[in-house]
């Protein structure tokens, strides 16, 4: 996700749009990061809006 952020709007712009400090974003999305669900969804919503995409989660069917 860090690469995607760097390739699109960048951490400073994401920090401004999400009201989460840039250093905090770097820590949350680092190898030992542990973002809350609220922060993760705020980041994803911002990225979706920026790129004009819509992410979906679907359950996979079990194959017998």
N, C-alpha and C. Protein backbone atom coordinates (compact mmCIF):
# COMPACT_ATOMS: atom_id res chain seq x y z
N UNK A 1 0.81 -1.18 0.00
CA UNK A 1 0.00 0.00 0.00
C UNK A 1 0.87 1.26 0.00
N UNK A 2 2.01 1.18 0.68
CA UNK A 2 2.91 2.35 0.70
C UNK A 2 3.36 2.72 -0.70
N UNK A 3 3.67 1.72 -1.52
CA UNK A 3 4.09 1.99 -2.90
C UNK A 3 2.95 2.64 -3.69
N UNK A 4 1.74 2.17 -3.49
CA UNK A 4 0.59 2.74 -4.18
C UNK A 4 0.39 4.20 -3.79
N UNK A 5 0.50 4.48 -2.50
CA UNK A 5 0.35 5.86 -2.01
C UNK A 5 1.43 6.75 -2.61
N UNK A 6 2.67 6.28 -2.58
CA UNK A 6 3.76 7.07 -3.16
C UNK A 6 3.58 7.29 -4.66
N UNK A 7 3.02 6.32 -5.37
CA UNK A 7 2.85 6.43 -6.82
C UNK A 7 1.64 7.28 -7.20
N UNK A 8 0.73 7.52 -6.26
CA UNK A 8 -0.46 8.29 -6.60
C UNK A 8 -0.41 9.67 -5.96
N UNK A 9 -1.05 9.86 -4.83
CA UNK A 9 -1.13 11.20 -4.27
C UNK A 9 0.00 11.54 -3.31
N UNK A 10 0.69 10.56 -2.76
CA UNK A 10 1.79 10.81 -1.83
C UNK A 10 1.32 10.95 -0.39
N UNK A 11 2.23 10.76 0.53
CA UNK A 11 1.89 10.79 1.95
C UNK A 11 1.49 12.18 2.44
N UNK A 12 2.14 13.26 2.01
CA UNK A 12 1.70 14.58 2.50
C UNK A 12 0.26 14.90 2.13
N UNK A 13 -0.13 14.61 0.90
CA UNK A 13 -1.51 14.88 0.47
C UNK A 13 -2.49 13.96 1.18
N UNK A 14 -2.11 12.69 1.35
CA UNK A 14 -2.97 11.75 2.07
C UNK A 14 -3.15 12.20 3.52
N UNK A 15 -2.09 12.68 4.12
CA UNK A 15 -2.16 13.17 5.51
C UNK A 15 -3.15 14.34 5.60
N UNK A 16 -3.10 15.23 4.64
CA UNK A 16 -4.00 16.38 4.64
C UNK A 16 -5.45 15.95 4.45
N UNK A 17 -5.68 15.02 3.55
CA UNK A 17 -7.05 14.58 3.25
C UNK A 17 -7.65 13.73 4.37
N UNK A 18 -6.83 12.98 5.09
CA UNK A 18 -7.33 12.09 6.14
C UNK A 18 -7.23 12.69 7.54
N UNK A 19 -6.54 13.81 7.66
CA UNK A 19 -6.28 14.43 8.97
C UNK A 19 -5.47 13.51 9.88
N UNK A 20 -4.62 12.69 9.27
CA UNK A 20 -3.70 11.82 10.01
C UNK A 20 -2.29 12.29 9.65
N UNK A 21 -1.48 12.58 10.63
CA UNK A 21 -0.13 13.10 10.39
C UNK A 21 0.65 12.14 9.49
N UNK A 22 1.48 12.69 8.59
CA UNK A 22 2.24 11.89 7.63
C UNK A 22 3.13 10.86 8.31
N UNK A 23 3.79 11.24 9.41
CA UNK A 23 4.64 10.28 10.12
C UNK A 23 3.82 9.14 10.70
N UNK A 24 2.63 9.45 11.17
CA UNK A 24 1.74 8.42 11.71
C UNK A 24 1.33 7.47 10.60
N UNK A 25 1.02 8.00 9.42
CA UNK A 25 0.67 7.15 8.28
C UNK A 25 1.81 6.21 7.93
N UNK A 26 3.03 6.75 7.90
CA UNK A 26 4.21 5.92 7.59
C UNK A 26 4.34 4.77 8.60
N UNK A 27 4.17 5.09 9.87
CA UNK A 27 4.28 4.05 10.91
C UNK A 27 3.16 3.02 10.78
N UNK A 28 1.93 3.50 10.59
CA UNK A 28 0.78 2.59 10.48
C UNK A 28 0.94 1.62 9.33
N UNK A 29 1.48 2.09 8.23
CA UNK A 29 1.55 1.28 7.02
C UNK A 29 2.92 0.63 6.83
N UNK A 30 3.76 0.71 7.86
CA UNK A 30 5.07 0.09 7.81
C UNK A 30 4.98 -1.40 8.15
N UNK A 31 6.11 -2.09 8.11
CA UNK A 31 6.14 -3.53 8.36
C UNK A 31 5.59 -3.93 9.73
N UNK A 32 5.78 -3.09 10.73
CA UNK A 32 5.28 -3.41 12.08
C UNK A 32 4.06 -2.57 12.44
N UNK A 33 3.47 -1.94 11.44
CA UNK A 33 2.31 -1.08 11.68
C UNK A 33 1.08 -1.88 12.04
N UNK A 34 0.17 -1.21 12.73
CA UNK A 34 -1.06 -1.86 13.15
C UNK A 34 -2.18 -0.81 13.16
N UNK A 35 -2.65 -0.40 11.97
CA UNK A 35 -3.67 0.66 11.93
C UNK A 35 -5.01 0.16 12.47
N UNK A 36 -5.75 1.06 13.06
CA UNK A 36 -7.10 0.70 13.49
C UNK A 36 -7.96 0.54 12.23
N UNK A 37 -9.06 -0.15 12.37
CA UNK A 37 -9.97 -0.33 11.24
C UNK A 37 -10.47 1.03 10.75
N UNK A 38 -10.76 1.93 11.67
CA UNK A 38 -11.26 3.26 11.30
C UNK A 38 -10.24 4.00 10.44
N UNK A 39 -8.97 3.98 10.85
CA UNK A 39 -7.94 4.66 10.07
C UNK A 39 -7.70 3.98 8.73
N UNK A 40 -7.70 2.66 8.71
CA UNK A 40 -7.49 1.93 7.47
C UNK A 40 -8.61 2.23 6.47
N UNK A 41 -9.86 2.24 6.94
CA UNK A 41 -10.98 2.54 6.05
C UNK A 41 -10.96 3.99 5.60
N UNK A 42 -10.50 4.90 6.45
CA UNK A 42 -10.38 6.31 6.06
C UNK A 42 -9.35 6.45 4.94
N UNK A 43 -8.22 5.74 5.06
CA UNK A 43 -7.18 5.76 4.04
C UNK A 43 -7.69 5.16 2.73
N UNK A 44 -8.34 4.00 2.83
CA UNK A 44 -8.87 3.34 1.63
C UNK A 44 -9.92 4.20 0.93
N UNK A 45 -10.79 4.85 1.69
CA UNK A 45 -11.81 5.72 1.10
C UNK A 45 -11.16 6.87 0.35
N UNK A 46 -10.13 7.44 0.92
CA UNK A 46 -9.42 8.54 0.28
C UNK A 46 -8.75 8.09 -1.01
N UNK A 47 -8.10 6.93 -0.97
CA UNK A 47 -7.42 6.41 -2.16
C UNK A 47 -8.42 6.06 -3.26
N UNK A 48 -9.57 5.50 -2.88
CA UNK A 48 -10.59 5.18 -3.86
C UNK A 48 -11.10 6.45 -4.54
N UNK A 49 -11.36 7.47 -3.75
CA UNK A 49 -11.84 8.74 -4.30
C UNK A 49 -10.79 9.36 -5.23
N UNK A 50 -9.55 9.35 -4.80
CA UNK A 50 -8.46 9.94 -5.59
C UNK A 50 -8.31 9.26 -6.95
N UNK A 51 -8.40 7.94 -6.96
CA UNK A 51 -8.14 7.18 -8.18
C UNK A 51 -9.41 6.84 -8.97
N UNK A 52 -10.57 7.15 -8.42
CA UNK A 52 -11.81 6.86 -9.12
C UNK A 52 -12.08 5.37 -9.24
N UNK A 53 -11.71 4.64 -8.20
CA UNK A 53 -11.93 3.18 -8.20
C UNK A 53 -12.83 2.82 -7.03
N UNK A 54 -13.35 1.61 -7.05
CA UNK A 54 -14.20 1.10 -5.98
C UNK A 54 -13.72 -0.31 -5.63
N UNK A 55 -13.23 -0.48 -4.41
CA UNK A 55 -12.77 -1.80 -3.97
C UNK A 55 -13.94 -2.58 -3.42
N UNK A 56 -13.94 -3.89 -3.67
CA UNK A 56 -14.98 -4.77 -3.16
C UNK A 56 -14.32 -5.99 -2.51
N UNK A 57 -14.97 -6.48 -1.48
CA UNK A 57 -14.53 -7.71 -0.83
C UNK A 57 -15.63 -8.74 -1.03
N UNK A 58 -15.25 -9.88 -1.54
CA UNK A 58 -16.22 -10.94 -1.77
C UNK A 58 -15.74 -12.21 -1.09
N UNK A 59 -16.69 -12.98 -0.59
CA UNK A 59 -16.37 -14.28 0.00
C UNK A 59 -16.16 -15.29 -1.12
N UNK A 60 -15.15 -16.10 -0.96
CA UNK A 60 -14.89 -17.15 -1.96
C UNK A 60 -15.75 -18.36 -1.64
N UNK A 61 -16.18 -19.02 -2.68
CA UNK A 61 -16.94 -20.25 -2.48
C UNK A 61 -15.99 -21.39 -2.17
N UNK A 62 -16.40 -22.21 -1.25
CA UNK A 62 -15.60 -23.39 -0.92
C UNK A 62 -15.72 -24.40 -2.05
N UNK A 63 -14.59 -24.96 -2.46
CA UNK A 63 -14.58 -25.97 -3.51
C UNK A 63 -14.48 -27.33 -2.84
N UNK A 64 -15.43 -28.19 -3.15
CA UNK A 64 -15.45 -29.51 -2.51
C UNK A 64 -14.63 -30.52 -3.28
